[in-house]
Amino acid sequence: MKKHLSLLLFSMLVVFTQTSIANEAPAVVAARAISEDPNEAAMAIAELRAMGPTGLQSLMQANEQEISKHITNPTLAPTPEWVRITAALDAVSQQKDSYLSGLFWYTDLAEARKAASLAGKPILSLRLLGKLTDELSCANSRFFRTVLYSNPTIASSLRNEFILHWESVRPVPVITIDFGDGRKLQRTITGNSIHYVLDSDGNLIDALPGLYGPGAFIRGLNEVQSLFQKLRADSQHRVVILATYYRTRINKISVDWLNDTAKIGLKQPIDVAVVRDQNGEALSVMPLAVSKAMTETTVLRAMTAGADSLGRITDEAAWKKIAALHASDSRLDEHSIGLIKRQTQQLTGSAKAFDSLLQNFQESIALDTVRNEYRMHTKIYAWLFADRGRSDVKIFNERVYSELFITPSSDPWLGLLQPDVYTGLENGGVIASKRRKGERGS
């Protein structure tokens, strides 16, 4: 009898506590979210998360002074209070280092679609390896947190003009190198990420593959925002609007690429024709020979012929020169630089070493940006042109990871284990197999 009475009283206490928190003002709940009592903090964090972006905003406002202090001085030693604040922010936002971005991410696409429908906004849906909340998510998603989401201009655009959603495609491979003297090095290997842009109904309209520099990324957001508004204003001609958009974008990217190759001294590819205006400016790039058979394959080949030809003449040295032409797109803002300082202060040591690290990173971003835009984005536009339904982003994502990122879901080892390559190791170095569902460990 006493046992049943105790359980009843406990249940009543839980319900009363949850109801009390639910009835409290967001500012009061935000104060509880950084409580030293883990249970109290967890309940308040869950309540703020359930409030959506409003809950995150309340938590940001409640800790505005501490956030500002750590943004101003990124290498400031973390206090126990700051650790609790960042943990609460990351849990409510579902993004690591969210104190810089203030972005709220849905992790359920159905919920994101509801929010998008109510707000009349497009959805920016990130697909990644690992989780956006984890330190060791895939490299691209880590760079997104640093280079893109921490940038005030980009964060403002994402916060005000999009509904944000992320979904993990699969766990990210992690390696630990043990040097045998107490030192260990932990890294992630392989993996790529992509930002999809969906309309309010969840239909795919555009995508930004891999890492882009801040300047190029914000241009991409502006482009797709204009497309979204055009589709909303004229839904009856949706198919024509999208088809025209994809053709136009492929041509523009090819023309930009052609102009870049000319600037660095490469000759025009011999297997394409270039239409120019009276001033000699390139207007379009097209194949010299066009197939008479109007199949989907031949149409797509014709659409990407310019990019394919340019890809054959652009070697590694040329890519670096082209990237240098767009160095301004990869320039990082003070928030991003501050986050990098915080993360690398024990590694770099001197200002000179940090400047070198930053320069190398920005050059890498510029290189990724031009490659992703010129090589990957054109293929994505061609696939979108052919995929008139565009209702299932999961199916499209399977193709992207399989054919573009070369990490198909059919390969559980992500290309890292090759049965036809001898390593001199027992079982090729495999020391543990994935447990089957329901299988218990020893």
Protein backbone atom coordinates (compact mmCIF):
# COMPACT_ATOMS: atom_id res chain seq x y z
CA MET A 1 0.00 0.00 0.00
CA LYS A 2 2.81 2.41 0.97
CA LYS A 3 4.66 1.55 -2.23
CA HIS A 4 1.64 2.34 -4.41
CA LEU A 5 1.05 5.57 -2.48
CA SER A 6 4.69 6.63 -2.99
CA LEU A 7 4.45 5.99 -6.74
CA LEU A 8 1.23 7.98 -6.89
CA LEU A 9 2.77 10.90 -5.02
CA PHE A 10 5.85 10.79 -7.27
CA SER A 11 3.69 10.82 -10.42
CA MET A 12 1.67 13.73 -9.09
CA LEU A 13 4.91 15.61 -8.31
CA VAL A 14 6.24 15.06 -11.85
CA VAL A 15 2.96 16.26 -13.42
CA PHE A 16 2.84 19.26 -11.08
CA THR A 17 6.46 20.18 -11.86
CA GLN A 18 5.97 19.86 -15.62
CA THR A 19 2.77 21.92 -15.46
CA SER A 20 4.48 24.58 -13.36
CA ILE A 21 7.32 24.93 -15.87
CA ALA A 22 4.87 24.99 -18.79
CA ASN A 23 2.97 27.85 -17.16
CA GLU A 24 6.09 29.88 -16.39
CA ALA A 25 7.24 32.80 -18.51
CA PRO A 26 9.98 31.89 -21.04
CA ALA A 27 12.49 34.08 -19.16
CA VAL A 28 11.90 32.10 -15.96
CA VAL A 29 12.26 28.79 -17.80
CA ALA A 30 15.46 30.11 -19.42
CA ALA A 31 16.91 30.77 -15.96
CA ARG A 32 16.11 27.20 -14.91
CA ALA A 33 17.78 25.83 -18.06
CA ILE A 34 21.24 26.69 -16.70
CA SER A 35 20.53 25.42 -13.21
CA GLU A 36 23.27 23.49 -11.39
CA ASP A 37 20.65 20.79 -10.84
CA PRO A 38 20.87 18.60 -13.98
CA ASN A 39 17.29 17.36 -13.66
CA GLU A 40 15.85 20.85 -13.32
CA ALA A 41 17.95 22.07 -16.24
CA ALA A 42 16.92 19.13 -18.45
CA MET A 43 13.21 19.76 -17.85
CA ALA A 44 13.58 23.48 -18.60
CA ILE A 45 15.62 22.78 -21.76
CA ALA A 46 12.92 20.41 -23.00
CA GLU A 47 10.30 23.10 -22.39
CA LEU A 48 12.32 25.74 -24.25
CA ARG A 49 12.90 23.32 -27.12
CA ALA A 50 9.14 22.72 -27.34
CA MET A 51 8.60 26.49 -27.67
CA GLY A 52 10.55 26.49 -30.92
CA PRO A 53 12.57 29.57 -31.98
CA THR A 54 10.91 31.60 -29.21
CA GLY A 55 12.44 29.32 -26.58
CA LEU A 56 15.92 29.72 -28.04
CA GLN A 57 15.49 33.48 -28.28
CA SER A 58 14.49 33.63 -24.61
CA LEU A 59 17.56 31.64 -23.62
CA MET A 60 19.82 33.87 -25.74
CA GLN A 61 18.33 37.02 -24.20
CA ALA A 62 18.61 35.69 -20.65
CA ASN A 63 22.33 35.10 -21.15
CA GLU A 64 23.09 38.02 -23.44
CA GLN A 65 25.87 39.47 -21.29
CA GLU A 66 27.79 36.21 -20.97
CA ILE A 67 27.38 35.49 -24.69
CA SER A 68 28.64 38.95 -25.60
CA LYS A 69 31.60 38.55 -23.26
CA HIS A 70 32.71 35.31 -24.91
CA ILE A 71 32.18 36.64 -28.43
CA THR A 72 34.29 39.69 -27.62
CA ASN A 73 37.00 37.58 -25.99
CA PRO A 74 36.79 34.12 -27.63
CA THR A 75 39.80 32.71 -25.74
CA LEU A 76 38.25 33.51 -22.36
CA ALA A 77 38.48 30.50 -20.05
CA PRO A 78 35.08 28.78 -19.73
CA THR A 79 33.51 28.99 -16.29
CA PRO A 80 31.13 26.28 -15.00
CA GLU A 81 28.28 28.71 -15.68
CA TRP A 82 29.40 29.23 -19.29
CA VAL A 83 29.61 25.47 -19.80
CA ARG A 84 26.00 25.15 -18.61
CA ILE A 85 24.89 28.06 -20.81
CA THR A 86 26.43 26.65 -23.99
CA ALA A 87 25.13 23.16 -23.23
CA ALA A 88 21.60 24.56 -22.83
CA LEU A 89 21.87 26.66 -25.99
CA ASP A 90 23.14 23.75 -28.07
CA ALA A 91 20.40 21.44 -26.78
CA VAL A 92 17.60 23.92 -27.46
CA SER A 93 18.94 24.97 -30.88
CA GLN A 94 20.18 21.47 -31.84
CA GLN A 95 23.44 22.98 -33.11
CA LYS A 96 26.87 23.04 -31.51
CA ASP A 97 28.32 26.52 -30.86
CA SER A 98 24.89 28.06 -31.34
CA TYR A 99 25.77 30.98 -29.04
CA LEU A 100 27.25 32.62 -32.15
CA SER A 101 24.42 31.89 -34.57
CA GLY A 102 21.24 31.87 -32.50
CA LEU A 103 19.73 29.45 -35.05
CA PHE A 104 16.92 27.03 -34.23
CA TRP A 105 17.02 23.74 -36.13
CA TYR A 106 14.15 21.28 -36.49
CA THR A 107 15.20 17.63 -36.57
CA ASP A 108 11.78 16.39 -37.73
CA LEU A 109 11.00 17.33 -41.34
CA ALA A 110 7.25 17.09 -40.74
CA GLU A 111 7.55 19.70 -37.98
CA ALA A 112 9.72 21.87 -40.23
CA ARG A 113 7.09 21.67 -42.96
CA LYS A 114 4.37 22.77 -40.54
CA ALA A 115 6.47 25.75 -39.46
CA ALA A 116 7.30 26.62 -43.08
CA SER A 117 3.66 26.45 -44.10
CA LEU A 118 2.60 28.75 -41.27
CA ALA A 119 5.43 31.22 -41.90
CA GLY A 120 5.31 31.10 -45.70
CA LYS A 121 9.04 30.42 -45.84
CA PRO A 122 11.25 27.89 -47.64
CA ILE A 123 13.07 25.16 -45.70
CA LEU A 124 16.85 24.91 -45.64
CA SER A 125 17.39 21.20 -44.98
CA LEU A 126 20.93 20.11 -44.15
CA ARG A 127 21.95 16.48 -44.71
CA LEU A 128 25.18 15.43 -43.01
CA LEU A 129 27.14 12.53 -41.57
CA GLY A 130 26.86 12.50 -37.79
CA LYS A 131 24.85 15.08 -35.88
CA LEU A 132 25.01 18.87 -35.99
CA THR A 133 25.10 18.90 -32.18
CA ASP A 134 28.25 16.79 -32.00
CA GLU A 135 31.85 18.00 -31.96
CA LEU A 136 32.74 15.13 -34.29
CA SER A 137 30.17 15.53 -37.05
CA CYS A 138 31.58 15.35 -40.59
CA ALA A 139 34.13 18.00 -41.58
CA ASN A 140 31.81 19.97 -43.85
CA SER A 141 29.15 20.37 -41.18
CA ARG A 142 31.80 21.49 -38.68
CA PHE A 143 32.97 24.09 -41.17
CA PHE A 144 29.36 25.20 -41.72
CA ARG A 145 29.12 25.99 -38.01
CA THR A 146 32.32 28.01 -38.19
CA VAL A 147 32.29 29.63 -41.61
CA LEU A 148 28.57 30.07 -42.34
CA TYR A 149 26.26 29.85 -39.34
CA SER A 150 28.51 32.03 -37.16
CA ASN A 151 28.57 34.78 -39.78
CA PRO A 152 26.08 37.47 -38.62
CA THR A 153 24.84 38.28 -42.14
CA ILE A 154 24.23 34.64 -43.02
CA ALA A 155 22.75 33.85 -39.61
CA SER A 156 20.32 36.75 -39.98
CA SER A 157 19.21 35.55 -43.41
CA LEU A 158 18.77 31.97 -42.21
CA ARG A 159 16.90 33.05 -39.08
CA ASN A 160 14.53 35.47 -40.80
CA GLU A 161 13.99 33.98 -44.25
CA PHE A 162 14.18 30.20 -43.79
CA ILE A 163 12.94 27.37 -41.61
CA LEU A 164 15.97 25.28 -40.68
CA HIS A 165 16.13 21.49 -40.52
CA TRP A 166 18.92 18.94 -40.33
CA GLU A 167 18.99 15.18 -40.73
CA SER A 168 21.82 12.71 -40.28
CA VAL A 169 22.38 10.50 -43.32
CA ARG A 170 24.51 8.02 -41.36
CA PRO A 171 27.08 8.04 -38.51
CA VAL A 172 30.39 9.68 -39.34
CA PRO A 173 33.53 7.48 -39.32
CA VAL A 174 35.91 8.48 -36.51
CA ILE A 175 39.54 7.42 -36.21
CA THR A 176 41.78 7.61 -33.15
CA ILE A 177 45.56 7.46 -33.63
CA ASP A 178 47.35 6.33 -30.47
CA PHE A 179 51.03 7.33 -30.48
CA GLY A 180 51.77 4.98 -27.59
CA ASP A 181 53.14 7.67 -25.28
CA GLY A 182 49.87 9.08 -23.96
CA ARG A 183 49.18 11.25 -27.01
CA LYS A 184 46.11 10.53 -29.11
CA LEU A 185 44.78 12.21 -32.23
CA GLN A 186 41.07 11.94 -33.05
CA ARG A 187 39.59 12.91 -36.40
CA THR A 188 36.66 12.16 -38.67
CA ILE A 189 37.30 10.80 -42.14
CA THR A 190 35.31 10.94 -45.40
CA GLY A 191 31.79 12.25 -45.61
CA ASN A 192 30.14 15.27 -47.18
CA SER A 193 27.17 17.53 -46.50
CA ILE A 194 24.59 19.33 -48.59
CA HIS A 195 22.04 22.08 -48.00
CA TYR A 196 18.72 21.40 -49.74
CA VAL A 197 16.18 24.16 -50.24
CA LEU A 198 12.59 22.94 -50.09
CA ASP A 199 9.39 24.85 -50.61
CA SER A 200 6.78 25.05 -47.84
CA ASP A 201 5.34 21.69 -48.97
CA GLY A 202 8.71 19.99 -48.70
CA ASN A 203 9.39 19.80 -52.46
CA LEU A 204 13.02 20.19 -53.50
CA ILE A 205 13.81 23.32 -55.53
CA ASP A 206 17.58 23.83 -55.15
CA ALA A 207 20.67 22.56 -53.34
CA LEU A 208 24.11 23.81 -52.34
CA PRO A 209 26.55 20.86 -52.30
CA GLY A 210 29.48 20.86 -49.90
CA LEU A 211 31.27 23.87 -48.44
CA TYR A 212 30.85 27.38 -49.84
CA GLY A 213 32.58 30.54 -48.71
CA PRO A 214 30.37 33.12 -46.93
CA GLY A 215 30.13 35.42 -49.95
CA ALA A 216 29.10 32.65 -52.35
CA PHE A 217 26.73 31.07 -49.82
CA ILE A 218 24.79 34.29 -49.20
CA ARG A 219 24.46 34.79 -52.97
CA GLY A 220 23.09 31.29 -53.24
CA LEU A 221 20.55 32.00 -50.49
CA ASN A 222 19.46 35.19 -52.23
CA GLU A 223 19.07 33.37 -55.57
CA VAL A 224 16.90 30.64 -54.14
CA GLN A 225 14.86 33.08 -52.06
CA SER A 226 13.98 34.94 -55.28
CA LEU A 227 13.04 31.62 -56.92
CA PHE A 228 10.83 30.69 -53.96
CA GLN A 229 8.99 34.01 -54.10
CA LYS A 230 8.47 33.64 -57.86
CA LEU A 231 6.98 30.17 -57.36
CA ARG A 232 4.64 31.46 -54.66
CA ALA A 233 3.44 34.27 -56.89
CA ASP A 234 2.81 32.00 -59.91
CA SER A 235 2.20 28.43 -58.78
CA GLN A 236 0.36 27.53 -62.00
CA HIS A 237 3.57 27.81 -64.04
CA ARG A 238 5.77 26.06 -61.47
CA VAL A 239 7.21 23.47 -63.88
CA VAL A 240 8.14 26.07 -66.49
CA ILE A 241 9.63 28.44 -63.89
CA LEU A 242 11.82 25.70 -62.43
CA ALA A 243 12.93 24.33 -65.81
CA THR A 244 13.90 27.83 -66.95
CA TYR A 245 15.70 28.48 -63.67
CA TYR A 246 17.78 25.29 -63.92
CA ARG A 247 18.75 25.89 -67.55
CA THR A 248 19.66 29.49 -66.82
CA ARG A 249 21.73 28.60 -63.77
CA ILE A 250 23.67 25.85 -65.60
CA ASN A 251 24.48 28.25 -68.42
CA LYS A 252 25.53 31.03 -66.06
CA ILE A 253 27.82 28.73 -64.09
CA SER A 254 29.40 27.45 -67.32
CA VAL A 255 29.91 30.99 -68.61
CA ASP A 256 31.47 32.08 -65.30
CA TRP A 257 33.77 29.06 -65.41
CA LEU A 258 34.73 29.80 -69.02
CA ASN A 259 35.54 33.41 -68.13
CA ASP A 260 37.68 32.26 -65.21
CA THR A 261 39.67 29.87 -67.40
CA ALA A 262 40.31 32.72 -69.83
CA LYS A 263 41.53 34.96 -67.01
CA ILE A 264 44.14 32.41 -65.96
CA GLY A 265 45.31 31.82 -69.52
CA LEU A 266 43.62 28.55 -70.50
CA LYS A 267 42.40 28.12 -74.08
CA GLN A 268 38.72 27.62 -74.84
CA PRO A 269 37.71 23.92 -75.06
CA ILE A 270 37.60 22.73 -78.66
CA ASP A 271 34.39 20.68 -78.27
CA VAL A 272 32.05 23.55 -77.32
CA ALA A 273 30.65 26.61 -79.06
CA VAL A 274 30.50 29.94 -77.27
CA VAL A 275 27.88 32.53 -78.16
CA ARG A 276 29.13 36.07 -77.48
CA ASP A 277 27.55 39.50 -77.53
CA GLN A 278 28.80 42.43 -79.63
CA ASN A 279 31.31 43.31 -76.91
CA GLY A 280 32.77 39.81 -76.92
CA GLU A 281 31.22 38.78 -73.59
CA ALA A 282 30.20 35.12 -73.41
CA LEU A 283 26.43 34.57 -73.32
CA SER A 284 26.21 30.81 -73.47
CA VAL A 285 28.28 27.64 -73.78
CA MET A 286 26.92 24.73 -75.81
CA PRO A 287 28.18 21.50 -77.41
CA LEU A 288 29.35 21.64 -81.01
CA ALA A 289 27.53 18.42 -81.89
CA VAL A 290 23.94 18.00 -80.72
CA SER A 291 22.33 14.57 -80.83
CA LYS A 292 19.15 14.27 -82.90
CA ALA A 293 17.72 11.74 -80.46
CA MET A 294 15.89 13.81 -77.87
CA THR A 295 16.12 11.43 -74.93
CA GLU A 296 16.53 12.44 -71.31
CA THR A 297 20.17 11.35 -71.41
CA THR A 298 21.04 13.39 -74.49
CA VAL A 299 19.21 16.46 -73.14
CA LEU A 300 21.12 16.29 -69.85
CA ARG A 301 24.42 15.76 -71.68
CA ALA A 302 23.75 18.83 -73.80
CA MET A 303 22.89 20.89 -70.72
CA THR A 304 26.13 20.02 -68.92
CA ALA A 305 28.39 19.78 -71.99
CA GLY A 306 30.04 23.11 -71.26
CA ALA A 307 30.82 22.22 -67.65
CA ASP A 308 32.05 18.76 -68.65
CA SER A 309 34.42 20.22 -71.26
CA LEU A 310 35.72 22.84 -68.87
CA GLY A 311 36.27 20.14 -66.26
CA ARG A 312 38.58 18.30 -68.65
CA ILE A 313 40.88 21.30 -69.09
CA THR A 314 40.90 22.46 -65.46
CA ASP A 315 43.68 20.65 -63.61
CA GLU A 316 44.72 21.11 -59.98
CA ALA A 317 46.98 24.07 -60.72
CA ALA A 318 44.18 25.75 -62.68
CA TRP A 319 41.69 25.18 -59.85
CA LYS A 320 44.01 26.97 -57.43
CA LYS A 321 44.35 29.93 -59.78
CA ILE A 322 40.58 30.11 -60.27
CA ALA A 323 40.06 29.91 -56.50
CA ALA A 324 42.43 32.87 -56.08
CA LEU A 325 40.15 34.91 -58.35
CA HIS A 326 37.37 34.39 -55.83
CA ALA A 327 39.36 34.82 -52.63
CA SER A 328 36.95 37.48 -51.35
CA ASP A 329 34.15 34.89 -51.18
CA SER A 330 36.10 32.91 -48.60
CA ARG A 331 37.02 35.82 -46.33
CA LEU A 332 35.86 35.10 -42.78
CA ASP A 333 34.19 37.56 -40.42
CA GLU A 334 35.31 38.30 -36.86
CA HIS A 335 32.84 35.86 -35.28
CA SER A 336 34.16 32.98 -37.35
CA ILE A 337 37.77 33.99 -36.71
CA GLY A 338 37.04 34.23 -32.98
CA LEU A 339 35.61 30.71 -32.94
CA ILE A 340 38.69 29.38 -34.74
CA LYS A 341 40.92 31.15 -32.20
CA ARG A 342 39.05 29.52 -29.35
CA GLN A 343 39.34 26.08 -30.90
CA THR A 344 43.02 26.33 -31.88
CA GLN A 345 44.62 28.45 -29.15
CA GLN A 346 46.52 25.47 -27.68
CA LEU A 347 47.61 24.32 -31.14
CA THR A 348 48.84 27.51 -32.80
CA GLY A 349 50.50 29.34 -29.90
CA SER A 350 51.76 32.43 -31.73
CA ALA A 351 49.91 35.06 -33.74
CA LYS A 352 52.05 34.23 -36.77
CA ALA A 353 51.09 30.54 -36.59
CA PHE A 354 47.42 31.44 -36.29
CA ASP A 355 47.59 33.81 -39.27
CA SER A 356 49.15 31.03 -41.33
CA LEU A 357 46.43 28.57 -40.26
CA LEU A 358 43.72 31.10 -41.11
CA GLN A 359 45.22 31.87 -44.51
CA ASN A 360 45.48 28.19 -45.40
CA PHE A 361 41.90 27.57 -44.30
CA GLN A 362 40.51 30.48 -46.33
CA GLU A 363 42.40 29.29 -49.41
CA SER A 364 40.93 25.81 -48.89
CA ILE A 365 37.42 27.31 -48.62
CA ALA A 366 37.91 29.25 -51.86
CA LEU A 367 39.04 26.06 -53.62
CA ASP A 368 36.05 24.08 -52.32
CA THR A 369 33.69 26.87 -53.32
CA VAL A 370 34.63 27.02 -56.99
CA ARG A 371 34.83 23.23 -57.34
CA ASN A 372 31.46 22.68 -55.70
CA GLU A 373 29.77 25.40 -57.72
CA TYR A 374 31.32 24.60 -61.09
CA ARG A 375 31.47 20.80 -60.95
CA MET A 376 28.74 19.68 -58.56
CA HIS A 377 26.07 22.35 -58.80
CA THR A 378 25.72 21.97 -62.57
CA LYS A 379 25.07 18.23 -62.18
CA ILE A 380 22.50 18.85 -59.46
CA TYR A 381 20.66 21.35 -61.66
CA ALA A 382 20.61 18.83 -64.52
CA TRP A 383 19.19 16.14 -62.22
CA LEU A 384 16.58 18.54 -60.89
CA PHE A 385 15.61 19.47 -64.44
CA ALA A 386 15.01 15.79 -65.22
CA ASP A 387 13.24 15.06 -61.91
CA ARG A 388 9.95 16.87 -62.57
CA GLY A 389 8.29 15.46 -59.42
CA ARG A 390 10.89 16.54 -56.88
CA SER A 391 8.60 15.34 -54.12
CA ASP A 392 10.99 12.94 -52.39
CA VAL A 393 14.21 14.56 -51.17
CA LYS A 394 15.34 11.25 -49.65
CA ILE A 395 15.50 9.58 -53.06
CA PHE A 396 17.31 12.56 -54.56
CA ASN A 397 19.73 12.58 -51.61
CA GLU A 398 20.52 8.90 -52.23
CA ARG A 399 21.62 9.83 -55.74
CA VAL A 400 23.71 12.75 -54.51
CA TYR A 401 25.59 10.66 -51.96
CA SER A 402 26.00 7.78 -54.40
CA GLU A 403 26.97 9.54 -57.64
CA LEU A 404 28.22 12.96 -56.54
CA PHE A 405 29.84 12.31 -53.15
CA ILE A 406 30.74 8.68 -54.06
CA THR A 407 29.63 7.38 -50.66
CA PRO A 408 26.57 5.22 -51.48
CA SER A 409 24.46 3.84 -48.66
CA SER A 410 25.02 0.38 -50.17
CA ASP A 411 28.65 0.53 -49.00
CA PRO A 412 28.71 0.26 -45.18
CA TRP A 413 32.46 1.03 -45.19
CA LEU A 414 32.22 4.26 -47.23
CA GLY A 415 34.98 3.09 -49.55
CA LEU A 416 37.47 2.73 -46.69
CA LEU A 417 37.54 -1.10 -46.83
CA GLN A 418 38.60 -2.63 -50.14
CA PRO A 419 38.39 -6.45 -50.24
CA ASP A 420 40.65 -6.63 -53.33
CA VAL A 421 43.53 -4.76 -51.61
CA TYR A 422 45.93 -6.77 -49.44
CA THR A 423 46.95 -5.04 -46.19
CA GLY A 424 48.91 -7.74 -44.36
CA LEU A 425 46.36 -7.50 -41.54
CA GLU A 426 44.07 -10.20 -40.24
CA ASN A 427 40.62 -9.77 -41.80
CA GLY A 428 41.84 -6.59 -43.51
CA GLY A 429 42.08 -4.79 -40.18
CA VAL A 430 38.39 -5.22 -39.31
CA ILE A 431 38.26 -5.86 -35.56
CA ALA A 432 34.53 -5.48 -34.93
CA SER A 433 31.43 -5.97 -37.02
CA LYS A 434 28.24 -3.98 -36.75
CA ARG A 435 25.84 -5.76 -34.46
CA ARG A 436 22.62 -6.92 -36.01
CA LYS A 437 19.36 -5.56 -34.66
CA GLY A 438 18.49 -7.31 -31.45
CA GLU A 439 21.97 -8.81 -31.04
CA ARG A 440 23.38 -8.43 -27.55
CA GLY A 441 26.98 -7.90 -26.61
CA SER A 442 28.86 -10.14 -24.25
